PDB file of N, CA and C in Angstrom:
ATOM      1  N   MET A   1      -2.584  -1.961  21.498  1.00  0.00           N
ATOM      2  CA  MET A   1      -1.599  -2.943  21.488  1.00  0.00           C
ATOM      3  C   MET A   1      -0.568  -2.460  22.514  1.00  0.00           C
ATOM      4  N   THR A   2      -0.115  -3.538  23.322  1.00  0.00           N
ATOM      5  CA  THR A   2       0.763  -3.384  24.263  1.00  0.00           C
ATOM      6  C   THR A   2       2.236  -3.371  23.685  1.00  0.00           C
ATOM      7  N   LYS A   3       3.112  -2.846  24.505  1.00  0.00           N
ATOM      8  CA  LYS A   3       4.499  -2.733  24.198  1.00  0.00           C
ATOM      9  C   LYS A   3       5.178  -4.088  23.813  1.00  0.00           C
ATOM     10  N   GLN A   4       4.793  -5.142  24.694  1.00  0.00           N
ATOM     11  CA  GLN A   4       5.216  -6.398  24.457  1.00  0.00           C
ATOM     12  C   GLN A   4       4.795  -7.067  23.054  1.00  0.00           C
ATOM     13  N   GLU A   5       3.534  -6.644  22.654  1.00  0.00           N
ATOM     14  CA  GLU A   5       3.033  -7.162  21.245  1.00  0.00           C
ATOM     15  C   GLU A   5       3.696  -6.458  20.220  1.00  0.00           C
ATOM     16  N   LYS A   6       3.910  -5.173  20.473  1.00  0.00           N
ATOM     17  CA  LYS A   6       4.740  -4.386  19.332  1.00  0.00           C
ATOM     18  C   LYS A   6       6.051  -4.968  19.201  1.00  0.00           C
ATOM     19  N   LEU A   7       6.746  -5.301  20.372  1.00  0.00           N
ATOM     20  CA  LEU A   7       8.167  -5.601  20.221  1.00  0.00           C
ATOM     21  C   LEU A   7       8.291  -6.962  19.333  1.00  0.00           C
ATOM     22  N   LYS A   8       7.270  -7.867  19.413  1.00  0.00           N
ATOM     23  CA  LYS A   8       7.185  -8.988  18.611  1.00  0.00           C
ATOM     24  C   LYS A   8       7.242  -8.676  17.098  1.00  0.00           C
ATOM     25  N   HIS A   9       6.737  -7.652  16.704  1.00  0.00           N
ATOM     26  CA  HIS A   9       6.838  -7.095  15.274  1.00  0.00           C
ATOM     27  C   HIS A   9       7.942  -6.354  14.807  1.00  0.00           C
ATOM     28  N   CYS A  10       8.984  -6.103  15.875  1.00  0.00           N
ATOM     29  CA  CYS A  10      10.265  -5.348  15.519  1.00  0.00           C
ATOM     30  C   CYS A  10      11.252  -6.286  15.038  1.00  0.00           C
ATOM     31  N   ALA A  11      11.153  -7.589  14.934  1.00  0.00           N
ATOM     32  CA  ALA A  11      12.099  -8.519  14.517  1.00  0.00           C
ATOM     33  C   ALA A  11      12.412  -8.210  13.025  1.00  0.00           C
ATOM     34  N   GLY A  12      13.593  -8.069  12.683  1.00  0.00           N
ATOM     35  CA  GLY A  12      13.948  -7.731  11.320  1.00  0.00           C
ATOM     36  C   GLY A  12      14.093  -6.237  10.959  1.00  0.00           C
ATOM     37  N   CYS A  13      13.540  -5.413  11.826  1.00  0.00           N
ATOM     38  CA  CYS A  13      13.602  -3.948  11.571  1.00  0.00           C
ATOM     39  C   CYS A  13      15.031  -3.442  11.914  1.00  0.00           C
ATOM     40  N   GLU A  14      15.338  -2.559  10.987  1.00  0.00           N
ATOM     41  CA  GLU A  14      16.764  -1.765  11.249  1.00  0.00           C
ATOM     42  C   GLU A  14      16.795  -1.119  12.689  1.00  0.00           C
ATOM     43  N   GLN A  15      15.714  -0.634  13.035  1.00  0.00           N
ATOM     44  CA  GLN A  15      15.666   0.110  14.295  1.00  0.00           C
ATOM     45  C   GLN A  15      15.623  -0.777  15.526  1.00  0.00           C
ATOM     46  N   ASP A  16      15.479  -2.165  15.450  1.00  0.00           N
ATOM     47  CA  ASP A  16      15.169  -3.105  16.546  1.00  0.00           C
ATOM     48  C   ASP A  16      16.402  -3.113  17.422  1.00  0.00           C
ATOM     49  N   PHE A  17      17.626  -2.635  16.809  1.00  0.00           N
ATOM     50  CA  PHE A  17      18.945  -2.384  17.555  1.00  0.00           C
ATOM     51  C   PHE A  17      18.524  -1.509  18.683  1.00  0.00           C
ATOM     52  N   TYR A  18      17.846  -0.569  18.711  1.00  0.00           N
ATOM     53  CA  TYR A  18      17.550   0.395  19.785  1.00  0.00           C
ATOM     54  C   TYR A  18      16.584  -0.223  20.871  1.00  0.00           C
ATOM     55  N   ASN A  19      16.125  -1.414  20.736  1.00  0.00           N
ATOM     56  CA  ASN A  19      15.239  -2.066  21.769  1.00  0.00           C
ATOM     57  C   ASN A  19      16.010  -2.869  22.717  1.00  0.00           C
ATOM     58  N   GLY A  20      17.139  -2.217  23.312  1.00  0.00           N
ATOM     59  CA  GLY A  20      18.001  -2.791  24.279  1.00  0.00           C
ATOM     60  C   GLY A  20      19.014  -3.853  23.666  1.00  0.00           C
ATOM     61  N   LYS A  21      19.222  -3.866  22.372  1.00  0.00           N
ATOM     62  CA  LYS A  21      20.111  -4.687  21.744  1.00  0.00           C
ATOM     63  C   LYS A  21      21.420  -3.914  21.219  1.00  0.00           C
ATOM     64  N   ASN A  22      21.932  -3.062  22.100  1.00  0.00           N
ATOM     65  CA  ASN A  22      22.997  -2.208  21.707  1.00  0.00           C
ATOM     66  C   ASN A  22      23.895  -2.031  22.953  1.00  0.00           C
ATOM     67  N   PRO A  23      25.178  -1.579  22.674  1.00  0.00           N
ATOM     68  CA  PRO A  23      26.026  -1.279  23.743  1.00  0.00           C
ATOM     69  C   PRO A  23      25.836   0.104  24.459  1.00  0.00           C
ATOM     70  N   TYR A  24      24.999   0.867  23.906  1.00  0.00           N
ATOM     71  CA  TYR A  24      24.752   2.181  24.385  1.00  0.00           C
ATOM     72  C   TYR A  24      23.746   2.405  25.425  1.00  0.00           C
ATOM     73  N   GLU A  25      23.193   1.321  25.965  1.00  0.00           N
ATOM     74  CA  GLU A  25      22.188   1.302  27.001  1.00  0.00           C
ATOM     75  C   GLU A  25      20.863   2.188  26.531  1.00  0.00           C
ATOM     76  N   VAL A  26      20.573   2.121  25.334  1.00  0.00           N
ATOM     77  CA  VAL A  26      19.337   2.526  24.878  1.00  0.00           C
ATOM     78  C   VAL A  26      18.300   1.409  24.917  1.00  0.00           C
ATOM     79  N   LYS A  27      17.259   1.563  25.622  1.00  0.00           N
ATOM     80  CA  LYS A  27      16.395   0.568  26.006  1.00  0.00           C
ATOM     81  C   LYS A  27      15.176   0.442  25.011  1.00  0.00           C
ATOM     82  N   GLU A  28      14.808   1.456  24.394  1.00  0.00           N
ATOM     83  CA  GLU A  28      13.579   1.376  23.554  1.00  0.00           C
ATOM     84  C   GLU A  28      13.773   2.331  22.295  1.00  0.00           C
ATOM     85  N   CYS A  29      13.379   1.836  21.148  1.00  0.00           N
ATOM     86  CA  CYS A  29      13.445   2.620  19.894  1.00  0.00           C
ATOM     87  C   CYS A  29      12.473   3.780  20.155  1.00  0.00           C
ATOM     88  N   TRP A  30      12.758   4.825  19.532  1.00  0.00           N
ATOM     89  CA  TRP A  30      12.009   6.107  19.810  1.00  0.00           C
ATOM     90  C   TRP A  30      10.666   6.079  19.109  1.00  0.00           C
ATOM     91  N   SER A  31      10.414   5.208  18.071  1.00  0.00           N
ATOM     92  CA  SER A  31       9.193   5.068  17.252  1.00  0.00           C
ATOM     93  C   SER A  31       8.259   4.105  17.904  1.00  0.00           C
ATOM     94  N   LEU A  32       8.767   3.332  18.787  1.00  0.00           N
ATOM     95  CA  LEU A  32       7.788   2.275  19.451  1.00  0.00           C
ATOM     96  C   LEU A  32       6.563   2.729  20.017  1.00  0.00           C
ATOM     97  N   GLY A  33       6.567   3.773  20.740  1.00  0.00           N
ATOM     98  CA  GLY A  33       5.324   4.324  21.536  1.00  0.00           C
ATOM     99  C   GLY A  33       4.264   4.611  20.471  1.00  0.00           C
ATOM    100  N   LYS A  34       4.543   5.232  19.357  1.00  0.00           N
ATOM    101  CA  LYS A  34       3.420   5.721  18.434  1.00  0.00           C
ATOM    102  C   LYS A  34       3.146   4.847  17.281  1.00  0.00           C
ATOM    103  N   ALA A  35       4.035   3.593  17.199  1.00  0.00           N
ATOM    104  CA  ALA A  35       3.705   2.634  16.330  1.00  0.00           C
ATOM    105  C   ALA A  35       2.395   2.054  16.256  1.00  0.00           C
ATOM    106  N   LYS A  36       1.852   1.808  15.044  1.00  0.00           N
ATOM    107  CA  LYS A  36       0.655   1.145  15.001  1.00  0.00           C
ATOM    108  C   LYS A  36       0.754  -0.147  13.966  1.00  0.00           C
ATOM    109  N   LEU A  37       0.050  -1.088  14.100  1.00  0.00           N
ATOM    110  CA  LEU A  37       0.090  -2.243  13.244  1.00  0.00           C
ATOM    111  C   LEU A  37      -0.777  -1.983  11.988  1.00  0.00           C
ATOM    112  N   VAL A  38      -0.016  -2.000  10.789  1.00  0.00           N
ATOM    113  CA  VAL A  38      -0.632  -1.605   9.526  1.00  0.00           C
ATOM    114  C   VAL A  38      -0.449  -2.665   8.583  1.00  0.00           C
ATOM    115  N   SER A  39      -1.118  -2.700   7.539  1.00  0.00           N
ATOM    116  CA  SER A  39      -0.971  -3.610   6.352  1.00  0.00           C
ATOM    117  C   SER A  39      -0.294  -2.951   5.280  1.00  0.00           C
ATOM    118  N   ARG A  40       0.865  -3.562   4.842  1.00  0.00           N
ATOM    119  CA  ARG A  40       1.707  -3.117   3.761  1.00  0.00           C
ATOM    120  C   ARG A  40       2.193  -4.092   2.804  1.00  0.00           C
ATOM    121  N   LYS A  41       2.609  -3.683   1.592  1.00  0.00           N
ATOM    122  CA  LYS A  41       3.214  -4.555   0.771  1.00  0.00           C
ATOM    123  C   LYS A  41       4.708  -4.395   0.930  1.00  0.00           C
ATOM    124  N   LYS A  42       5.304  -5.477   0.958  1.00  0.00           N
ATOM    125  CA  LYS A  42       6.852  -5.605   1.147  1.00  0.00           C
ATOM    126  C   LYS A  42       7.477  -5.576  -0.247  1.00  0.00           C
ATOM    127  N   ILE A  43       8.185  -4.625  -0.699  1.00  0.00           N
ATOM    128  CA  ILE A  43       8.508  -4.431  -2.103  1.00  0.00           C
ATOM    129  C   ILE A  43      10.059  -4.224  -2.033  1.00  0.00           C
ATOM    130  N   HIS A  44      10.686  -5.241  -2.633  1.00  0.00           N
ATOM    131  CA  HIS A  44      12.369  -5.194  -2.850  1.00  0.00           C
ATOM    132  C   HIS A  44      12.501  -3.878  -3.809  1.00  0.00           C
ATOM    133  N   ILE A  45      13.658  -3.127  -3.450  1.00  0.00           N
ATOM    134  CA  ILE A  45      13.928  -1.977  -4.215  1.00  0.00           C
ATOM    135  C   ILE A  45      14.203  -2.194  -5.703  1.00  0.00           C
ATOM    136  N   ASN A  46      14.538  -3.407  -6.098  1.00  0.00           N
ATOM    137  CA  ASN A  46      14.818  -3.607  -7.476  1.00  0.00           C
ATOM    138  C   ASN A  46      13.625  -4.347  -8.195  1.00  0.00           C
ATOM    139  N   GLN A  47      12.482  -4.421  -7.489  1.00  0.00           N
ATOM    140  CA  GLN A  47      11.341  -5.125  -8.125  1.00  0.00           C
ATOM    141  C   GLN A  47      10.514  -3.920  -8.917  1.00  0.00           C
ATOM    142  N   VAL A  48      10.138  -4.277 -10.133  1.00  0.00           N
ATOM    143  CA  VAL A  48       9.521  -3.244 -10.995  1.00  0.00           C
ATOM    144  C   VAL A  48       7.976  -3.556 -10.821  1.00  0.00           C
ATOM    145  N   PRO A  49       7.247  -2.457 -11.048  1.00  0.00           N
ATOM    146  CA  PRO A  49       5.815  -2.625 -10.949  1.00  0.00           C
ATOM    147  C   PRO A  49       5.272  -3.572 -12.118  1.00  0.00           C
ATOM    148  N   PRO A  50       4.122  -4.124 -11.962  1.00  0.00           N
ATOM    149  CA  PRO A  50       3.226  -3.961 -10.930  1.00  0.00           C
ATOM    150  C   PRO A  50       3.612  -4.853  -9.664  1.00  0.00           C
ATOM    151  N   TRP A  51       3.250  -4.319  -8.504  1.00  0.00           N
ATOM    152  CA  TRP A  51       3.442  -5.066  -7.226  1.00  0.00           C
ATOM    153  C   TRP A  51       2.273  -5.834  -6.825  1.00  0.00           C
ATOM    154  N   LYS A  52       2.146  -7.088  -7.196  1.00  0.00           N
ATOM    155  CA  LYS A  52       1.027  -8.004  -6.962  1.00  0.00           C
ATOM    156  C   LYS A  52       1.022  -8.727  -5.665  1.00  0.00           C
ATOM    157  N   GLN A  53       2.145  -8.701  -4.873  1.00  0.00           N
ATOM    158  CA  GLN A  53       2.176  -9.509  -3.667  1.00  0.00           C
ATOM    159  C   GLN A  53       1.149  -9.208  -2.637  1.00  0.00           C
ATOM    160  N   LYS A  54       0.754 -10.192  -1.757  1.00  0.00           N
ATOM    161  CA  LYS A  54      -0.269  -9.910  -0.854  1.00  0.00           C
ATOM    162  C   LYS A  54       0.497  -8.931   0.344  1.00  0.00           C
ATOM    163  N   PRO A  55      -0.240  -8.081   0.929  1.00  0.00           N
ATOM    164  CA  PRO A  55       0.134  -7.228   1.862  1.00  0.00           C
ATOM    165  C   PRO A  55       0.414  -8.048   3.222  1.00  0.00           C
ATOM    166  N   ILE A  56       1.209  -7.499   4.058  1.00  0.00           N
ATOM    167  CA  ILE A  56       1.660  -8.255   5.484  1.00  0.00           C
ATOM    168  C   ILE A  56       1.377  -7.238   6.482  1.00  0.00           C
ATOM    169  N   LYS A  57       1.273  -7.698   7.624  1.00  0.00           N
ATOM    170  CA  LYS A  57       1.173  -6.853   8.812  1.00  0.00           C
ATOM    171  C   LYS A  57       2.533  -6.459   9.365  1.00  0.00           C
ATOM    172  N   VAL A  58       2.790  -5.165   9.470  1.00  0.00           N
ATOM    173  CA  VAL A  58       3.935  -4.694  10.133  1.00  0.00           C
ATOM    174  C   VAL A  58       3.783  -3.435  10.950  1.00  0.00           C
ATOM    175  N   LEU A  59       4.583  -2.989  11.642  1.00  0.00           N
ATOM    176  CA  LEU A  59       4.366  -1.734  12.291  1.00  0.00           C
ATOM    177  C   LEU A  59       4.542  -0.521  11.446  1.00  0.00           C
ATOM    178  N   SER A  60       3.865   0.467  11.686  1.00  0.00           N
ATOM    179  CA  SER A  60       3.981   1.709  10.809  1.00  0.00           C
ATOM    180  C   SER A  60       5.342   2.436  10.634  1.00  0.00           C
ATOM    181  N   CYS A  61       6.360   1.994  11.540  1.00  0.00           N
ATOM    182  CA  CYS A  61       7.611   2.546  11.531  1.00  0.00           C
ATOM    183  C   CYS A  61       8.686   1.589  10.935  1.00  0.00           C
ATOM    184  N   TYR A  62       8.229   0.331  10.553  1.00  0.00           N
ATOM    185  CA  TYR A  62       9.119  -0.789  10.261  1.00  0.00           C
ATOM    186  C   TYR A  62      10.002  -0.428   9.058  1.00  0.00           C
ATOM    187  N   GLN A  63      11.222  -0.607   9.168  1.00  0.00           N
ATOM    188  CA  GLN A  63      12.286  -0.383   8.128  1.00  0.00           C
ATOM    189  C   GLN A  63      12.996  -1.560   7.902  1.00  0.00           C
ATOM    190  N   GLN A  64      13.411  -1.981   6.646  1.00  0.00           N
ATOM    191  CA  GLN A  64      14.225  -3.213   6.518  1.00  0.00           C
ATOM    192  C   GLN A  64      15.129  -2.805   5.268  1.00  0.00           C
ATOM    193  N   LYS A  65      16.390  -3.138   5.401  1.00  0.00           N
ATOM    194  CA  LYS A  65      17.203  -2.795   4.368  1.00  0.00           C
ATOM    195  C   LYS A  65      17.053  -3.467   2.973  1.00  0.00           C
ATOM    196  N   GLY A  66      16.880  -2.769   1.930  1.00  0.00           N
ATOM    197  CA  GLY A  66      16.551  -3.203   0.718  1.00  0.00           C
ATOM    198  C   GLY A  66      15.146  -3.389   0.347  1.00  0.00           C
ATOM    199  N   TYR A  67      14.287  -2.822   1.175  1.00  0.00           N
ATOM    200  CA  TYR A  67      12.918  -2.999   0.923  1.00  0.00           C
ATOM    201  C   TYR A  67      12.016  -1.749   1.265  1.00  0.00           C
ATOM    202  N   VAL A  68      10.899  -1.500   0.642  1.00  0.00           N
ATOM    203  CA  VAL A  68      10.074  -0.385   0.990  1.00  0.00           C
ATOM    204  C   VAL A  68       8.690  -1.165   1.387  1.00  0.00           C
ATOM    205  N   PHE A  69       8.016  -0.357   2.105  1.00  0.00           N
ATOM    206  CA  PHE A  69       6.675  -0.900   2.364  1.00  0.00           C
ATOM    207  C   PHE A  69       5.620   0.054   2.019  1.00  0.00           C
ATOM    208  N   TRP A  70       4.749  -0.361   1.114  1.00  0.00           N
ATOM    209  CA  TRP A  70       3.865   0.439   0.410  1.00  0.00           C
ATOM    210  C   TRP A  70       2.430   0.129   0.681  1.00  0.00           C
ATOM    211  N   ALA A  71       1.539   1.126   0.419  1.00  0.00           N
ATOM    212  CA  ALA A  71       0.070   0.973   0.588  1.00  0.00           C
ATOM    213  C   ALA A  71      -0.319  -0.433   0.040  1.00  0.00           C
ATOM    214  N   PRO A  72      -1.296  -1.170   0.801  1.00  0.00           N
ATOM    215  CA  PRO A  72      -1.659  -2.378   0.233  1.00  0.00           C
ATOM    216  C   PRO A  72      -2.484  -2.396  -0.945  1.00  0.00           C
ATOM    217  N   ASP A  73      -3.144  -1.320  -1.290  1.00  0.00           N
ATOM    218  CA  ASP A  73      -4.001  -1.194  -2.493  1.00  0.00           C
ATOM    219  C   ASP A  73      -3.376  -0.710  -3.680  1.00  0.00           C
ATOM    220  N   ARG A  74      -2.105  -0.496  -3.651  1.00  0.00           N
ATOM    221  CA  ARG A  74      -1.307   0.104  -4.740  1.00  0.00           C
ATOM    222  C   ARG A  74      -0.565  -0.924  -5.507  1.00  0.00           C
ATOM    223  N   GLU A  75      -0.494  -0.841  -6.862  1.00  0.00           N
ATOM    224  CA  GLU A  75       0.305  -1.806  -7.798  1.00  0.00           C
ATOM    225  C   GLU A  75       1.390  -1.016  -8.463  1.00  0.00           C
ATOM    226  N   TYR A  76       1.272   0.306  -8.408  1.00  0.00           N
ATOM    227  CA  TYR A  76       2.232   1.123  -9.117  1.00  0.00           C
ATOM    228  C   TYR A  76       2.866   2.308  -8.291  1.00  0.00           C
TER     229      TYR A  76
END
């Protein structure tokens, strides 16, 4: 996966700020180079199990405020 393809999956991530979207001249998030596209369940921190939602594709380093990203085969 190219850097450009990875950057498309950074939208909404807390760390996307470091992909040139900051006043500190930081051009690239430190996790981008090793990131892989994975399948995860997006679970709100207040959601109680079982987690039955379908998995989505996100980068392995993806972080979003108020959510955790859990293994696609887990319900608890």
